[in-house]
Amino acid sequence: MIPLLQREMVEPGWLNLKEFLDMVAISEMTPGPIAVNTATFVGYRLFGLLGGAVATLAVISPSLILTFLLFHFLARYQDHPLTKRAMAGIHVAVVILIVSAGLYILPSAVIDLKTLVLAIATFLLITQTNSNPILLILLGGLAGILLGY
């Protein structure tokens, strides 16, 4: 989703790359999907309250419709072996998409040795401890302030 959002927001000039990266960071910290948060922000920024509302509805409508249809299908066929195998494949695909998004944005987010060290330290804290992600986000912001980003 992040590469798609970047292409759709930065290339037309609605946001520059720094604004987009800031929007990704803010969207990851706030409740809700990144696409919804980003659409709301850009819609509001360009066209005010009505723009934010329309952009939000435009982004969530396809998901709502598909979720409703899939819910009815899965409720009926959730125990079928093909459904279970399909869901297992979907789980793998989702993990790959998340990793792909992280690798795509990594060169833009890691701009020097300080941010590389911060990224590695955060990754190790997430994977090796039970650190609270919100605390790590706050500590990342504090590190940014202290390190002069």
C-alpha atoms as a PDB file:
ATOM      1  CA  MET A   1       0.000   0.000   0.000  1.00  0.00           C
ATOM      2  CA  ILE A   2       2.833   2.418   0.817  1.00  0.00           C
ATOM      3  CA  PRO A   3       4.390   2.388  -2.686  1.00  0.00           C
ATOM      4  CA  LEU A   4       0.934   2.874  -4.207  1.00  0.00           C
ATOM      5  CA  LEU A   5       0.173   5.747  -1.842  1.00  0.00           C
ATOM      6  CA  GLN A   6       3.516   7.354  -2.589  1.00  0.00           C
ATOM      7  CA  ARG A   7       2.943   7.150  -6.329  1.00  0.00           C
ATOM      8  CA  GLU A   8      -0.599   8.532  -6.041  1.00  0.00           C
ATOM      9  CA  MET A   9       0.253  11.335  -3.593  1.00  0.00           C
ATOM     10  CA  VAL A  10       3.789  12.456  -4.490  1.00  0.00           C
ATOM     11  CA  GLU A  11       3.874  12.172  -8.294  1.00  0.00           C
ATOM     12  CA  PRO A  12       0.815  14.440  -8.841  1.00  0.00           C
ATOM     13  CA  GLY A  13       2.356  16.934  -6.405  1.00  0.00           C
ATOM     14  CA  TRP A  14      -0.229  16.661  -3.631  1.00  0.00           C
ATOM     15  CA  LEU A  15       2.583  15.947  -1.149  1.00  0.00           C
ATOM     16  CA  ASN A  16       6.359  16.138  -1.429  1.00  0.00           C
ATOM     17  CA  LEU A  17       8.440  13.132  -0.314  1.00  0.00           C
ATOM     18  CA  LYS A  18       9.163  14.530   3.158  1.00  0.00           C
ATOM     19  CA  GLU A  19       5.487  15.319   3.744  1.00  0.00           C
ATOM     20  CA  PHE A  20       4.577  11.830   2.545  1.00  0.00           C
ATOM     21  CA  LEU A  21       7.061  10.168   4.915  1.00  0.00           C
ATOM     22  CA  ASP A  22       5.758  12.309   7.770  1.00  0.00           C
ATOM     23  CA  MET A  23       2.211  11.273   6.828  1.00  0.00           C
ATOM     24  CA  VAL A  24       3.216   7.593   6.867  1.00  0.00           C
ATOM     25  CA  ALA A  25       4.744   8.024  10.324  1.00  0.00           C
ATOM     26  CA  ILE A  26       1.676   9.826  11.673  1.00  0.00           C
ATOM     27  CA  SER A  27      -0.700   7.342  10.036  1.00  0.00           C
ATOM     28  CA  GLU A  28       1.134   4.429  11.604  1.00  0.00           C
ATOM     29  CA  MET A  29       0.750   5.997  15.049  1.00  0.00           C
ATOM     30  CA  THR A  30      -2.956   6.758  14.747  1.00  0.00           C
ATOM     31  CA  PRO A  31      -5.794   4.248  14.760  1.00  0.00           C
ATOM     32  CA  GLY A  32      -6.979   2.999  11.409  1.00  0.00           C
ATOM     33  CA  PRO A  33      -5.445   1.876   8.139  1.00  0.00           C
ATOM     34  CA  ILE A  34      -2.714   4.012   6.616  1.00  0.00           C
ATOM     35  CA  ALA A  35      -4.645   4.525   3.365  1.00  0.00           C
ATOM     36  CA  VAL A  36      -7.651   5.922   5.222  1.00  0.00           C
ATOM     37  CA  ASN A  37      -5.562   8.235   7.385  1.00  0.00           C
ATOM     38  CA  THR A  38      -3.557   9.445   4.405  1.00  0.00           C
ATOM     39  CA  ALA A  39      -6.636  10.002   2.228  1.00  0.00           C
ATOM     40  CA  THR A  40      -8.346  11.913   5.024  1.00  0.00           C
ATOM     41  CA  PHE A  41      -5.298  14.122   5.539  1.00  0.00           C
ATOM     42  CA  VAL A  42      -4.741  14.866   1.858  1.00  0.00           C
ATOM     43  CA  GLY A  43      -8.450  15.400   1.164  1.00  0.00           C
ATOM     44  CA  TYR A  44      -8.692  17.792   4.106  1.00  0.00           C
ATOM     45  CA  ARG A  45      -5.483  19.585   3.139  1.00  0.00           C
ATOM     46  CA  LEU A  46      -6.621  20.147  -0.442  1.00  0.00           C
ATOM     47  CA  PHE A  47     -10.385  20.678  -0.052  1.00  0.00           C
ATOM     48  CA  GLY A  48     -11.145  21.197   3.626  1.00  0.00           C
ATOM     49  CA  LEU A  49     -13.586  19.212   5.747  1.00  0.00           C
ATOM     50  CA  LEU A  50     -15.734  18.071   2.828  1.00  0.00           C
ATOM     51  CA  GLY A  51     -12.622  16.924   0.931  1.00  0.00           C
ATOM     52  CA  GLY A  52     -11.471  14.898   3.927  1.00  0.00           C
ATOM     53  CA  ALA A  53     -14.883  13.255   4.274  1.00  0.00           C
ATOM     54  CA  VAL A  54     -15.196  12.447   0.560  1.00  0.00           C
ATOM     55  CA  ALA A  55     -11.649  11.086   0.370  1.00  0.00           C
ATOM     56  CA  THR A  56     -12.274   8.895   3.424  1.00  0.00           C
ATOM     57  CA  LEU A  57     -15.517   7.509   1.990  1.00  0.00           C
ATOM     58  CA  ALA A  58     -13.862   6.890  -1.379  1.00  0.00           C
ATOM     59  CA  VAL A  59     -11.102   4.860   0.234  1.00  0.00           C
ATOM     60  CA  ILE A  60     -13.233   2.802   2.626  1.00  0.00           C
ATOM     61  CA  SER A  61     -16.194   2.000   0.351  1.00  0.00           C
ATOM     62  CA  PRO A  62     -14.539  -0.777  -1.718  1.00  0.00           C
ATOM     63  CA  SER A  63     -13.187  -2.441   1.440  1.00  0.00           C
ATOM     64  CA  LEU A  64     -16.558  -2.288   3.161  1.00  0.00           C
ATOM     65  CA  ILE A  65     -18.315  -3.860   0.192  1.00  0.00           C
ATOM     66  CA  LEU A  66     -15.697  -6.609  -0.234  1.00  0.00           C
ATOM     67  CA  THR A  67     -15.624  -7.327   3.498  1.00  0.00           C
ATOM     68  CA  PHE A  68     -19.393  -7.674   3.583  1.00  0.00           C
ATOM     69  CA  LEU A  69     -19.361 -10.080   0.623  1.00  0.00           C
ATOM     70  CA  LEU A  70     -16.430 -12.108   1.988  1.00  0.00           C
ATOM     71  CA  PHE A  71     -18.025 -12.343   5.418  1.00  0.00           C
ATOM     72  CA  HIS A  72     -21.098 -13.987   3.969  1.00  0.00           C
ATOM     73  CA  PHE A  73     -18.991 -16.353   1.870  1.00  0.00           C
ATOM     74  CA  LEU A  74     -16.650 -17.315   4.724  1.00  0.00           C
ATOM     75  CA  ALA A  75     -19.506 -17.746   7.194  1.00  0.00           C
ATOM     76  CA  ARG A  76     -20.970 -20.328   4.861  1.00  0.00           C
ATOM     77  CA  TYR A  77     -17.752 -22.113   3.791  1.00  0.00           C
ATOM     78  CA  GLN A  78     -15.290 -21.475   6.649  1.00  0.00           C
ATOM     79  CA  ASP A  79     -14.800 -25.175   7.422  1.00  0.00           C
ATOM     80  CA  HIS A  80     -14.249 -26.220   3.823  1.00  0.00           C
ATOM     81  CA  PRO A  81     -10.679 -27.493   3.190  1.00  0.00           C
ATOM     82  CA  LEU A  82     -10.213 -25.222   0.162  1.00  0.00           C
ATOM     83  CA  THR A  83     -11.172 -22.162   2.191  1.00  0.00           C
ATOM     84  CA  LYS A  84      -8.671 -23.106   4.903  1.00  0.00           C
ATOM     85  CA  ARG A  85      -5.898 -23.585   2.327  1.00  0.00           C
ATOM     86  CA  ALA A  86      -6.768 -20.301   0.631  1.00  0.00           C
ATOM     87  CA  MET A  87      -6.604 -18.466   3.956  1.00  0.00           C
ATOM     88  CA  ALA A  88      -3.188 -20.006   4.687  1.00  0.00           C
ATOM     89  CA  GLY A  89      -1.936 -18.693   1.333  1.00  0.00           C
ATOM     90  CA  ILE A  90      -3.420 -15.270   2.026  1.00  0.00           C
ATOM     91  CA  HIS A  91      -1.589 -15.124   5.368  1.00  0.00           C
ATOM     92  CA  VAL A  92       1.732 -15.724   3.594  1.00  0.00           C
ATOM     93  CA  ALA A  93       0.936 -13.109   0.958  1.00  0.00           C
ATOM     94  CA  VAL A  94       0.097 -10.514   3.625  1.00  0.00           C
ATOM     95  CA  VAL A  95       3.420 -11.079   5.396  1.00  0.00           C
ATOM     96  CA  ILE A  96       5.295 -10.682   2.104  1.00  0.00           C
ATOM     97  CA  LEU A  97       3.405  -7.469   1.305  1.00  0.00           C
ATOM     98  CA  ILE A  98       4.281  -6.019   4.712  1.00  0.00           C
ATOM     99  CA  VAL A  99       7.967  -6.934   4.320  1.00  0.00           C
ATOM    100  CA  SER A 100       7.956  -5.541   0.777  1.00  0.00           C
ATOM    101  CA  ALA A 101       6.501  -2.221   1.978  1.00  0.00           C
ATOM    102  CA  GLY A 102       9.130  -1.998   4.688  1.00  0.00           C
ATOM    103  CA  LEU A 103      11.955  -2.666   2.240  1.00  0.00           C
ATOM    104  CA  TYR A 104      10.493  -0.167  -0.233  1.00  0.00           C
ATOM    105  CA  ILE A 105      10.357   2.693   2.252  1.00  0.00           C
ATOM    106  CA  LEU A 106      13.631   1.806   4.031  1.00  0.00           C
ATOM    107  CA  PRO A 107      15.942   3.799   1.705  1.00  0.00           C
ATOM    108  CA  SER A 108      13.833   6.948   2.167  1.00  0.00           C
ATOM    109  CA  ALA A 109      13.534   6.530   5.941  1.00  0.00           C
ATOM    110  CA  VAL A 110      17.138   5.561   6.729  1.00  0.00           C
ATOM    111  CA  ILE A 111      19.012   8.653   5.632  1.00  0.00           C
ATOM    112  CA  ASP A 112      22.306   8.337   7.512  1.00  0.00           C
ATOM    113  CA  LEU A 113      24.241   6.183   9.980  1.00  0.00           C
ATOM    114  CA  LYS A 114      22.285   7.537  12.982  1.00  0.00           C
ATOM    115  CA  THR A 115      18.947   6.517  11.521  1.00  0.00           C
ATOM    116  CA  LEU A 116      20.359   3.133  10.463  1.00  0.00           C
ATOM    117  CA  VAL A 117      21.490   2.470  14.044  1.00  0.00           C
ATOM    118  CA  LEU A 118      18.106   3.630  15.348  1.00  0.00           C
ATOM    119  CA  ALA A 119      16.307   1.359  12.861  1.00  0.00           C
ATOM    120  CA  ILE A 120      18.411  -1.677  13.817  1.00  0.00           C
ATOM    121  CA  ALA A 121      17.995  -1.000  17.537  1.00  0.00           C
ATOM    122  CA  THR A 122      14.221  -0.663  17.148  1.00  0.00           C
ATOM    123  CA  PHE A 123      14.038  -3.829  15.055  1.00  0.00           C
ATOM    124  CA  LEU A 124      16.004  -5.767  17.669  1.00  0.00           C
ATOM    125  CA  LEU A 125      13.838  -4.423  20.499  1.00  0.00           C
ATOM    126  CA  ILE A 126      10.675  -5.441  18.640  1.00  0.00           C
ATOM    127  CA  THR A 127      11.881  -8.904  17.679  1.00  0.00           C
ATOM    128  CA  GLN A 128      13.879  -9.832  20.783  1.00  0.00           C
ATOM    129  CA  THR A 129      11.817  -8.331  23.621  1.00  0.00           C
ATOM    130  CA  ASN A 130       8.228  -7.655  24.524  1.00  0.00           C
ATOM    131  CA  SER A 131       8.711  -3.904  24.076  1.00  0.00           C
ATOM    132  CA  ASN A 132       5.562  -1.854  23.701  1.00  0.00           C
ATOM    133  CA  PRO A 133       5.394  -0.523  20.095  1.00  0.00           C
ATOM    134  CA  ILE A 134       3.880   2.777  21.262  1.00  0.00           C
ATOM    135  CA  LEU A 135       6.787   3.274  23.655  1.00  0.00           C
ATOM    136  CA  LEU A 136       9.226   2.544  20.815  1.00  0.00           C
ATOM    137  CA  ILE A 137       7.488   5.108  18.590  1.00  0.00           C
ATOM    138  CA  LEU A 138       7.732   7.718  21.355  1.00  0.00           C
ATOM    139  CA  LEU A 139      11.378   6.841  21.963  1.00  0.00           C
ATOM    140  CA  GLY A 140      12.019   7.132  18.203  1.00  0.00           C
ATOM    141  CA  GLY A 141      10.520  10.627  18.253  1.00  0.00           C
ATOM    142  CA  LEU A 142      12.657  11.551  21.245  1.00  0.00           C
ATOM    143  CA  ALA A 143      15.741  10.167  19.496  1.00  0.00           C
ATOM    144  CA  GLY A 144      14.889  12.270  16.449  1.00  0.00           C
ATOM    145  CA  ILE A 145      14.700  15.383  18.613  1.00  0.00           C
ATOM    146  CA  LEU A 146      17.904  14.615  20.492  1.00  0.00           C
ATOM    147  CA  LEU A 147      19.876  13.581  17.393  1.00  0.00           C
ATOM    148  CA  GLY A 148      18.767  16.667  15.476  1.00  0.00           C
ATOM    149  CA  TYR A 149      16.824  15.217  12.554  1.00  0.00           C
END
